[in-house]
Amino acid sequence: MGMIQYLKRKIKIKNNNMKSSHLFFSVIFSSLLFVACVSSESEMLKQARSIQNELLTQVDALDSTMTVRLTSMNDERGAMSADSTISTDSLKMQQFMMMKEKIDNLSNLQSELTDWKSNLKMLPSVEEMSKGAENPFGEKAKDQEILQAIKKSQEDFNTLKMKADAAMK
């Protein structure tokens, strides 16, 4: 009987090891499957996110540049207005009025940029979407439509940037 108990015990240990290895592989497989599902995103959506992130960086940079330039222009206008001869010198008055016009134009463009950014449809992150965030492009929007919409936003921004660059000269 000793030999039979030994063999039973050995089979039991072998079965436990197999169960452990099956459990281990099941956990690994489930984890990989979960990661694949969470991060499975089409190349078009990855490209759209990349464009969107770059676009937001450019918008913030342009807004900062505009703020710095407006501060500089306002300082220059302040110095012009402190000149006691401005009221009698038509050339200085003309330069002052041109500076005021440039400031107003740039300020309006900065407001337009702010409004544009606040109305920008933003594709939620993969994490936000997994938590149930709504897609602002619509639940039935195809990846290609989302990519095209973000590219259109990029074109609109580039037009605004050209106007702003011209106004800051």
N, C-alpha and C. Protein backbone atom coordinates (compact mmCIF):
# COMPACT_ATOMS: atom_id res chain seq x y z
N MET A 1 0.80 -1.20 0.00
CA MET A 1 0.00 0.00 0.00
C MET A 1 0.84 1.26 0.00
N GLY A 2 2.00 1.18 0.54
CA GLY A 2 2.85 2.35 0.59
C GLY A 2 3.17 2.89 -0.79
N MET A 3 3.37 1.97 -1.75
CA MET A 3 3.71 2.38 -3.10
C MET A 3 2.53 3.06 -3.78
N ILE A 4 1.32 2.54 -3.53
CA ILE A 4 0.11 3.12 -4.13
C ILE A 4 -0.13 4.51 -3.57
N GLN A 5 0.03 4.70 -2.27
CA GLN A 5 -0.15 6.03 -1.68
C GLN A 5 0.87 7.01 -2.21
N TYR A 6 2.10 6.51 -2.39
CA TYR A 6 3.16 7.36 -2.95
C TYR A 6 2.79 7.83 -4.36
N LEU A 7 2.30 6.91 -5.19
CA LEU A 7 1.92 7.25 -6.56
C LEU A 7 0.71 8.20 -6.58
N LYS A 8 -0.26 7.96 -5.70
CA LYS A 8 -1.42 8.85 -5.62
C LYS A 8 -0.97 10.26 -5.22
N ARG A 9 -0.09 10.32 -4.24
CA ARG A 9 0.42 11.62 -3.77
C ARG A 9 1.18 12.32 -4.90
N LYS A 10 1.97 11.61 -5.65
CA LYS A 10 2.74 12.18 -6.76
C LYS A 10 1.80 12.68 -7.86
N ILE A 11 0.75 11.94 -8.15
CA ILE A 11 -0.24 12.36 -9.16
C ILE A 11 -0.98 13.60 -8.66
N LYS A 12 -1.32 13.61 -7.36
CA LYS A 12 -2.02 14.75 -6.78
C LYS A 12 -1.15 16.02 -6.88
N ILE A 13 0.14 15.89 -6.55
CA ILE A 13 1.06 17.02 -6.64
C ILE A 13 1.17 17.49 -8.09
N LYS A 14 1.29 16.54 -9.00
CA LYS A 14 1.38 16.87 -10.42
C LYS A 14 0.12 17.59 -10.88
N ASN A 15 -1.05 17.12 -10.46
CA ASN A 15 -2.31 17.77 -10.82
C ASN A 15 -2.39 19.19 -10.24
N ASN A 16 -1.94 19.36 -9.00
CA ASN A 16 -1.94 20.69 -8.38
C ASN A 16 -1.01 21.64 -9.14
N ASN A 17 0.15 21.13 -9.55
CA ASN A 17 1.08 21.95 -10.33
C ASN A 17 0.47 22.34 -11.67
N MET A 18 -0.24 21.39 -12.29
CA MET A 18 -0.89 21.68 -13.57
C MET A 18 -2.00 22.71 -13.38
N LYS A 19 -2.77 22.56 -12.29
CA LYS A 19 -3.83 23.52 -12.00
C LYS A 19 -3.23 24.91 -11.78
N SER A 20 -2.14 24.97 -11.05
CA SER A 20 -1.47 26.25 -10.80
C SER A 20 -0.98 26.87 -12.10
N SER A 21 -0.38 26.05 -12.95
CA SER A 21 0.13 26.59 -14.21
C SER A 21 -1.02 27.00 -15.12
N HIS A 22 -2.13 26.25 -15.12
CA HIS A 22 -3.30 26.64 -15.90
C HIS A 22 -3.87 27.97 -15.39
N LEU A 23 -3.93 28.09 -14.07
CA LEU A 23 -4.43 29.33 -13.48
C LEU A 23 -3.51 30.49 -13.84
N PHE A 24 -2.20 30.27 -13.75
CA PHE A 24 -1.23 31.31 -14.09
C PHE A 24 -1.40 31.77 -15.54
N PHE A 25 -1.46 30.80 -16.46
CA PHE A 25 -1.61 31.15 -17.87
C PHE A 25 -2.97 31.80 -18.16
N SER A 26 -3.99 31.38 -17.45
CA SER A 26 -5.32 31.99 -17.62
C SER A 26 -5.30 33.46 -17.20
N VAL A 27 -4.64 33.72 -16.07
CA VAL A 27 -4.54 35.10 -15.59
C VAL A 27 -3.74 35.95 -16.58
N ILE A 28 -2.64 35.44 -17.06
CA ILE A 28 -1.81 36.16 -18.02
C ILE A 28 -2.59 36.44 -19.30
N PHE A 29 -3.25 35.41 -19.81
CA PHE A 29 -4.03 35.57 -21.04
C PHE A 29 -5.14 36.60 -20.86
N SER A 30 -5.85 36.52 -19.75
CA SER A 30 -6.94 37.49 -19.48
C SER A 30 -6.40 38.91 -19.39
N SER A 31 -5.25 39.05 -18.75
CA SER A 31 -4.64 40.39 -18.62
C SER A 31 -4.26 40.94 -19.98
N LEU A 32 -3.64 40.10 -20.80
CA LEU A 32 -3.25 40.54 -22.14
C LEU A 32 -4.47 40.89 -22.97
N LEU A 33 -5.51 40.09 -22.86
CA LEU A 33 -6.74 40.35 -23.60
C LEU A 33 -7.35 41.68 -23.16
N PHE A 34 -7.35 41.94 -21.84
CA PHE A 34 -7.89 43.20 -21.32
C PHE A 34 -7.09 44.38 -21.83
N VAL A 35 -5.77 44.28 -21.76
CA VAL A 35 -4.91 45.36 -22.25
C VAL A 35 -5.14 45.59 -23.73
N ALA A 36 -5.27 44.53 -24.50
CA ALA A 36 -5.50 44.66 -25.94
C ALA A 36 -6.82 45.35 -26.22
N CYS A 37 -7.84 45.03 -25.45
CA CYS A 37 -9.16 45.65 -25.66
C CYS A 37 -9.13 47.12 -25.29
N VAL A 38 -8.49 47.44 -24.18
CA VAL A 38 -8.45 48.83 -23.72
C VAL A 38 -7.64 49.69 -24.67
N SER A 39 -6.53 49.17 -25.15
CA SER A 39 -5.65 49.99 -25.97
C SER A 39 -5.87 49.77 -27.46
N SER A 40 -6.85 48.95 -27.81
CA SER A 40 -7.07 48.72 -29.23
C SER A 40 -7.72 49.96 -29.83
N GLU A 41 -6.97 50.65 -30.61
CA GLU A 41 -7.43 51.88 -31.23
C GLU A 41 -6.88 51.88 -32.64
N SER A 42 -7.69 52.29 -33.56
CA SER A 42 -7.26 52.28 -34.95
C SER A 42 -6.12 53.26 -35.17
N GLU A 43 -5.39 53.03 -36.24
CA GLU A 43 -4.29 53.94 -36.60
C GLU A 43 -4.83 55.34 -36.87
N MET A 44 -6.04 55.43 -37.43
CA MET A 44 -6.63 56.74 -37.70
C MET A 44 -6.90 57.52 -36.42
N LEU A 45 -7.41 56.82 -35.40
CA LEU A 45 -7.65 57.50 -34.12
C LEU A 45 -6.34 57.87 -33.44
N LYS A 46 -5.33 57.02 -33.56
CA LYS A 46 -4.02 57.36 -33.00
C LYS A 46 -3.48 58.60 -33.69
N GLN A 47 -3.63 58.67 -35.00
CA GLN A 47 -3.18 59.84 -35.76
C GLN A 47 -3.98 61.07 -35.36
N ALA A 48 -5.29 60.90 -35.19
CA ALA A 48 -6.15 62.02 -34.79
C ALA A 48 -5.72 62.55 -33.42
N ARG A 49 -5.44 61.66 -32.48
CA ARG A 49 -4.98 62.09 -31.14
C ARG A 49 -3.65 62.82 -31.23
N SER A 50 -2.76 62.30 -32.07
CA SER A 50 -1.46 62.92 -32.23
C SER A 50 -1.60 64.35 -32.78
N ILE A 51 -2.42 64.49 -33.81
CA ILE A 51 -2.67 65.82 -34.39
C ILE A 51 -3.31 66.73 -33.36
N GLN A 52 -4.29 66.19 -32.63
CA GLN A 52 -4.98 66.98 -31.61
C GLN A 52 -4.01 67.46 -30.53
N ASN A 53 -3.14 66.59 -30.05
CA ASN A 53 -2.19 66.98 -29.01
C ASN A 53 -1.22 68.05 -29.51
N GLU A 54 -0.74 67.88 -30.73
CA GLU A 54 0.17 68.87 -31.32
C GLU A 54 -0.57 70.19 -31.52
N LEU A 55 -1.80 70.11 -31.94
CA LEU A 55 -2.62 71.31 -32.16
C LEU A 55 -2.80 72.08 -30.86
N LEU A 56 -3.09 71.38 -29.77
CA LEU A 56 -3.27 72.05 -28.48
C LEU A 56 -1.98 72.71 -28.01
N THR A 57 -0.87 72.07 -28.27
CA THR A 57 0.43 72.65 -27.92
C THR A 57 0.65 73.94 -28.72
N GLN A 58 0.33 73.89 -30.02
CA GLN A 58 0.50 75.07 -30.87
C GLN A 58 -0.44 76.20 -30.46
N VAL A 59 -1.67 75.86 -30.09
CA VAL A 59 -2.65 76.88 -29.67
C VAL A 59 -2.14 77.58 -28.41
N ASP A 60 -1.68 76.81 -27.44
CA ASP A 60 -1.17 77.40 -26.20
C ASP A 60 0.06 78.27 -26.47
N ALA A 61 0.93 77.81 -27.34
CA ALA A 61 2.14 78.58 -27.67
C ALA A 61 1.76 79.89 -28.36
N LEU A 62 0.82 79.83 -29.30
CA LEU A 62 0.40 81.05 -30.00
C LEU A 62 -0.26 82.03 -29.03
N ASP A 63 -1.10 81.52 -28.16
CA ASP A 63 -1.77 82.37 -27.18
C ASP A 63 -0.74 83.08 -26.29
N SER A 64 0.26 82.34 -25.85
CA SER A 64 1.33 82.93 -25.01
C SER A 64 2.10 83.99 -25.79
N THR A 65 2.44 83.70 -27.03
CA THR A 65 3.17 84.65 -27.86
C THR A 65 2.35 85.92 -28.07
N MET A 66 1.06 85.75 -28.30
CA MET A 66 0.19 86.91 -28.50
C MET A 66 0.12 87.76 -27.23
N THR A 67 0.05 87.11 -26.09
CA THR A 67 0.00 87.83 -24.82
C THR A 67 1.27 88.65 -24.61
N VAL A 68 2.41 88.04 -24.89
CA VAL A 68 3.69 88.75 -24.74
C VAL A 68 3.75 89.93 -25.70
N ARG A 69 3.34 89.70 -26.93
CA ARG A 69 3.39 90.77 -27.94
C ARG A 69 2.42 91.90 -27.57
N LEU A 70 1.24 91.57 -27.10
CA LEU A 70 0.28 92.61 -26.68
C LEU A 70 0.83 93.44 -25.53
N THR A 71 1.49 92.79 -24.59
CA THR A 71 2.10 93.51 -23.46
C THR A 71 3.14 94.50 -23.98
N SER A 72 3.97 94.01 -24.89
CA SER A 72 5.01 94.86 -25.47
C SER A 72 4.39 96.05 -26.23
N MET A 73 3.37 95.77 -27.01
CA MET A 73 2.73 96.84 -27.79
C MET A 73 2.03 97.85 -26.87
N ASN A 74 1.41 97.36 -25.81
CA ASN A 74 0.76 98.28 -24.86
C ASN A 74 1.80 99.15 -24.15
N ASP A 75 2.95 98.57 -23.82
CA ASP A 75 4.02 99.36 -23.20
C ASP A 75 4.50 100.45 -24.16
N GLU A 76 4.65 100.06 -25.42
CA GLU A 76 5.09 101.02 -26.44
C GLU A 76 4.06 102.15 -26.60
N ARG A 77 2.79 101.78 -26.62
CA ARG A 77 1.73 102.78 -26.74
C ARG A 77 1.71 103.68 -25.51
N GLY A 78 1.96 103.10 -24.34
CA GLY A 78 2.01 103.89 -23.11
C GLY A 78 3.13 104.93 -23.16
N ALA A 79 4.28 104.51 -23.68
CA ALA A 79 5.40 105.44 -23.82
C ALA A 79 5.07 106.54 -24.81
N MET A 80 4.36 106.19 -25.88
CA MET A 80 3.97 107.19 -26.88
C MET A 80 3.02 108.22 -26.27
N SER A 81 2.07 107.72 -25.48
CA SER A 81 1.08 108.64 -24.91
C SER A 81 1.68 109.56 -23.85
N ALA A 82 2.82 109.15 -23.27
CA ALA A 82 3.49 109.98 -22.27
C ALA A 82 4.26 111.13 -22.91
N ASP A 83 4.46 111.05 -24.23
CA ASP A 83 5.18 112.10 -24.95
C ASP A 83 4.30 113.35 -25.00
N SER A 84 4.80 114.43 -24.44
CA SER A 84 4.00 115.68 -24.36
C SER A 84 3.79 116.32 -25.73
N THR A 85 4.57 115.94 -26.73
CA THR A 85 4.44 116.57 -28.05
C THR A 85 3.46 115.81 -28.97
N ILE A 86 2.88 114.73 -28.47
CA ILE A 86 2.01 113.92 -29.31
C ILE A 86 0.80 114.70 -29.83
N SER A 87 0.27 115.57 -29.01
CA SER A 87 -0.94 116.32 -29.42
C SER A 87 -0.64 117.36 -30.50
N THR A 88 0.61 117.78 -30.60
CA THR A 88 0.95 118.80 -31.61
C THR A 88 1.69 118.22 -32.82
N ASP A 89 2.17 117.00 -32.70
CA ASP A 89 2.93 116.37 -33.79
C ASP A 89 2.03 115.35 -34.49
N SER A 90 1.62 115.68 -35.72
CA SER A 90 0.67 114.83 -36.44
C SER A 90 1.28 113.45 -36.77
N LEU A 91 2.57 113.38 -37.02
CA LEU A 91 3.22 112.11 -37.32
C LEU A 91 3.20 111.20 -36.09
N LYS A 92 3.50 111.75 -34.91
CA LYS A 92 3.45 110.97 -33.67
C LYS A 92 2.01 110.52 -33.37
N MET A 93 1.05 111.38 -33.63
CA MET A 93 -0.35 111.04 -33.40
C MET A 93 -0.76 109.90 -34.34
N GLN A 94 -0.31 109.98 -35.59
CA GLN A 94 -0.62 108.94 -36.56
C GLN A 94 -0.01 107.60 -36.12
N GLN A 95 1.22 107.62 -35.66
CA GLN A 95 1.89 106.40 -35.18
C GLN A 95 1.16 105.83 -33.95
N PHE A 96 0.72 106.72 -33.08
CA PHE A 96 -0.02 106.32 -31.89
C PHE A 96 -1.33 105.62 -32.29
N MET A 97 -2.04 106.21 -33.24
CA MET A 97 -3.32 105.64 -33.70
C MET A 97 -3.10 104.30 -34.41
N MET A 98 -2.01 104.21 -35.17
CA MET A 98 -1.69 102.94 -35.83
C MET A 98 -1.38 101.86 -34.80
N MET A 99 -0.67 102.24 -33.76
CA MET A 99 -0.34 101.28 -32.69
C MET A 99 -1.62 100.83 -31.99
N LYS A 100 -2.52 101.76 -31.74
CA LYS A 100 -3.79 101.43 -31.10
C LYS A 100 -4.58 100.46 -31.99
N GLU A 101 -4.57 100.69 -33.26
CA GLU A 101 -5.28 99.83 -34.22
C GLU A 101 -4.66 98.42 -34.24
N LYS A 102 -3.33 98.36 -34.21
CA LYS A 102 -2.64 97.06 -34.19
C LYS A 102 -2.98 96.29 -32.91
N ILE A 103 -3.00 97.00 -31.80
CA ILE A 103 -3.34 96.37 -30.52
C ILE A 103 -4.77 95.84 -30.54
N ASP A 104 -5.68 96.65 -31.03
CA ASP A 104 -7.08 96.22 -31.12
C ASP A 104 -7.22 94.99 -32.01
N ASN A 105 -6.53 95.00 -33.15
CA ASN A 105 -6.59 93.88 -34.08
C ASN A 105 -6.05 92.60 -33.44
N LEU A 106 -4.88 92.70 -32.81
CA LEU A 106 -4.28 91.52 -32.17
C LEU A 106 -5.13 91.04 -31.00
N SER A 107 -5.66 91.96 -30.26
CA SER A 107 -6.53 91.60 -29.13
C SER A 107 -7.78 90.86 -29.62
N ASN A 108 -8.35 91.35 -30.72
CA ASN A 108 -9.51 90.67 -31.31
C ASN A 108 -9.16 89.27 -31.81
N LEU A 109 -7.99 89.15 -32.41
CA LEU A 109 -7.54 87.83 -32.87
C LEU A 109 -7.31 86.87 -31.70
N GLN A 110 -6.80 87.39 -30.60
CA GLN A 110 -6.59 86.54 -29.42
C GLN A 110 -7.94 86.08 -28.86
N SER A 111 -8.92 86.97 -28.87
CA SER A 111 -10.27 86.59 -28.44
C SER A 111 -10.86 85.55 -29.38
N GLU A 112 -10.62 85.72 -30.66
CA GLU A 112 -11.10 84.76 -31.65
C GLU A 112 -10.45 83.39 -31.42
N LEU A 113 -9.16 83.38 -31.10
CA LEU A 113 -8.45 82.14 -30.80
C LEU A 113 -9.04 81.47 -29.56
N THR A 114 -9.31 82.25 -28.54
CA THR A 114 -9.89 81.71 -27.31
C THR A 114 -11.27 81.12 -27.58
N ASP A 115 -12.09 81.84 -28.35
CA ASP A 115 -13.42 81.32 -28.70
C ASP A 115 -13.29 80.05 -29.53
N TRP A 116 -12.38 80.06 -30.49
CA TRP A 116 -12.18 78.89 -31.34
C TRP A 116 -11.80 77.68 -30.50
N LYS A 117 -10.88 77.89 -29.56
CA LYS A 117 -10.42 76.78 -28.71
C LYS A 117 -11.56 76.26 -27.83
N SER A 118 -12.38 77.15 -27.32
CA SER A 118 -13.48 76.70 -26.45
C SER A 118 -14.54 75.93 -27.22
N ASN A 119 -14.63 76.14 -28.53
CA ASN A 119 -15.60 75.43 -29.35
C ASN A 119 -15.00 74.20 -30.04
N LEU A 120 -13.74 73.93 -29.79
CA LEU A 120 -13.03 72.82 -30.42
C LEU A 120 -13.55 71.49 -29.88
N LYS A 121 -13.90 70.60 -30.79
CA LYS A 121 -14.31 69.24 -30.39
C LYS A 121 -13.05 68.47 -30.05
N MET A 122 -13.02 67.95 -28.84
CA MET A 122 -11.84 67.23 -28.37
C MET A 122 -12.15 65.74 -28.26
N LEU A 123 -11.32 64.93 -28.89
CA LEU A 123 -11.45 63.48 -28.81
C LEU A 123 -10.98 63.05 -27.42
N PRO A 124 -11.86 62.40 -26.64
CA PRO A 124 -11.45 61.97 -25.29
C PRO A 124 -10.32 60.95 -25.36
N SER A 125 -9.56 60.87 -24.30
CA SER A 125 -8.46 59.88 -24.26
C SER A 125 -9.06 58.48 -24.21
N VAL A 126 -8.22 57.49 -24.47
CA VAL A 126 -8.64 56.09 -24.41
C VAL A 126 -9.17 55.78 -23.01
N GLU A 127 -8.47 56.29 -22.01
CA GLU A 127 -8.88 56.07 -20.61
C GLU A 127 -10.24 56.71 -20.34
N GLU A 128 -10.44 57.94 -20.80
CA GLU A 128 -11.72 58.61 -20.60
C GLU A 128 -12.85 57.86 -21.30
N MET A 129 -12.56 57.36 -22.50
CA MET A 129 -13.58 56.61 -23.25
C MET A 129 -13.92 55.30 -22.55
N SER A 130 -12.90 54.65 -21.96
CA SER A 130 -13.16 53.39 -21.25
C SER A 130 -14.00 53.63 -20.00
N LYS A 131 -13.96 54.86 -19.48
CA LYS A 131 -14.77 55.21 -18.31
C LYS A 131 -16.14 55.75 -18.71
N GLY A 132 -16.43 55.73 -20.02
CA GLY A 132 -17.77 56.10 -20.48
C GLY A 132 -17.91 57.52 -21.00
N ALA A 133 -16.80 58.20 -21.25
CA ALA A 133 -16.89 59.57 -21.79
C ALA A 133 -17.54 59.54 -23.17
N GLU A 134 -18.36 60.54 -23.42
CA GLU A 134 -19.04 60.62 -24.72
C GLU A 134 -18.09 61.12 -25.79
N ASN A 135 -18.28 60.60 -26.97
CA ASN A 135 -17.50 61.05 -28.12
C ASN A 135 -18.19 62.30 -28.67
N PRO A 136 -17.54 63.46 -28.66
CA PRO A 136 -18.19 64.69 -29.14
C PRO A 136 -18.47 64.68 -30.64
N PHE A 137 -17.89 63.73 -31.34
CA PHE A 137 -18.11 63.62 -32.77
C PHE A 137 -19.34 62.75 -33.07
N GLY A 138 -19.92 62.19 -32.02
CA GLY A 138 -21.09 61.32 -32.16
C GLY A 138 -20.69 59.88 -31.97
N GLU A 139 -21.56 59.12 -31.37
CA GLU A 139 -21.27 57.71 -31.08
C GLU A 139 -21.06 56.88 -32.35
N LYS A 140 -21.70 57.29 -33.45
CA LYS A 140 -21.60 56.52 -34.69
C LYS A 140 -20.56 57.08 -35.65
N ALA A 141 -19.80 58.07 -35.18
CA ALA A 141 -18.78 58.68 -36.05
C ALA A 141 -17.70 57.65 -36.36
N LYS A 142 -17.36 57.58 -37.61
CA LYS A 142 -16.31 56.67 -38.05
C LYS A 142 -14.94 57.32 -37.78
N ASP A 143 -13.95 56.47 -37.60
CA ASP A 143 -12.60 56.96 -37.31
C ASP A 143 -12.12 57.95 -38.36
N GLN A 144 -12.42 57.67 -39.63
CA GLN A 144 -11.99 58.54 -40.71
C GLN A 144 -12.66 59.92 -40.60
N GLU A 145 -13.93 59.95 -40.19
CA GLU A 145 -14.64 61.22 -40.02
C GLU A 145 -14.03 62.04 -38.89
N ILE A 146 -13.67 61.36 -37.82
CA ILE A 146 -13.04 62.04 -36.68
C ILE A 146 -11.69 62.61 -37.09
N LEU A 147 -10.89 61.81 -37.80
CA LEU A 147 -9.59 62.28 -38.27
C LEU A 147 -9.75 63.49 -39.18
N GLN A 148 -10.71 63.44 -40.10
CA GLN A 148 -10.93 64.57 -41.01
C GLN A 148 -11.38 65.81 -40.25
N ALA A 149 -12.22 65.64 -39.24
CA ALA A 149 -12.68 66.79 -38.44
C ALA A 149 -11.51 67.44 -37.70
N ILE A 150 -10.63 66.62 -37.16
CA ILE A 150 -9.46 67.16 -36.44
C ILE A 150 -8.49 67.82 -37.41
N LYS A 151 -8.34 67.25 -38.59
CA LYS A 151 -7.49 67.89 -39.61
C LYS A 151 -8.09 69.23 -40.04
N LYS A 152 -9.42 69.30 -40.12
CA LYS A 152 -10.10 70.56 -40.47
C LYS A 152 -9.84 71.59 -39.38
N SER A 153 -9.89 71.17 -38.12
CA SER A 153 -9.58 72.06 -37.00
C SER A 153 -8.15 72.58 -37.11
N GLN A 154 -7.25 71.71 -37.53
CA GLN A 154 -5.86 72.10 -37.70
C GLN A 154 -5.74 73.16 -38.81
N GLU A 155 -6.47 72.98 -39.89
CA GLU A 155 -6.46 73.97 -40.98
C GLU A 155 -7.02 75.31 -40.50
N ASP A 156 -8.11 75.27 -39.76
CA ASP A 156 -8.70 76.50 -39.22
C ASP A 156 -7.71 77.22 -38.31
N PHE A 157 -7.01 76.44 -37.48
CA PHE A 157 -6.01 77.03 -36.60
C PHE A 157 -4.89 77.67 -37.41
N ASN A 158 -4.43 76.99 -38.44
CA ASN A 158 -3.34 77.53 -39.27
C ASN A 158 -3.74 78.85 -39.90
N THR A 159 -5.00 78.99 -40.29
CA THR A 159 -5.49 80.25 -40.84
C THR A 159 -5.45 81.35 -39.77
N LEU A 160 -5.91 81.01 -38.58
CA LEU A 160 -5.87 81.97 -37.47
C LEU A 160 -4.43 82.34 -37.13
N LYS A 161 -3.55 81.37 -37.16
CA LYS A 161 -2.14 81.62 -36.84
C LYS A 161 -1.51 82.57 -37.85
N MET A 162 -1.84 82.38 -39.13
CA MET A 162 -1.29 83.29 -40.15
C MET A 162 -1.75 84.72 -39.89
N LYS A 163 -3.01 84.90 -39.56
CA LYS A 163 -3.54 86.23 -39.24
C LYS A 163 -2.82 86.82 -38.03
N ALA A 164 -2.64 85.99 -37.00
CA ALA A 164 -1.98 86.46 -35.78
C ALA A 164 -0.52 86.81 -36.04
N ASP A 165 0.17 85.97 -36.80
CA ASP A 165 1.57 86.25 -37.13
C ASP A 165 1.70 87.59 -37.86
N ALA A 166 0.78 87.83 -38.78
CA ALA A 166 0.80 89.10 -39.53
C ALA A 166 0.50 90.28 -38.59
N ALA A 167 -0.41 90.08 -37.66
CA ALA A 167 -0.78 91.16 -36.74
C ALA A 167 0.31 91.46 -35.71
N MET A 168 1.19 90.50 -35.47
CA MET A 168 2.25 90.71 -34.47
C MET A 168 3.49 91.37 -35.05
N LYS A 169 3.50 91.61 -36.37
CA LYS A 169 4.67 92.23 -36.99
C LYS A 169 4.68 93.71 -36.76
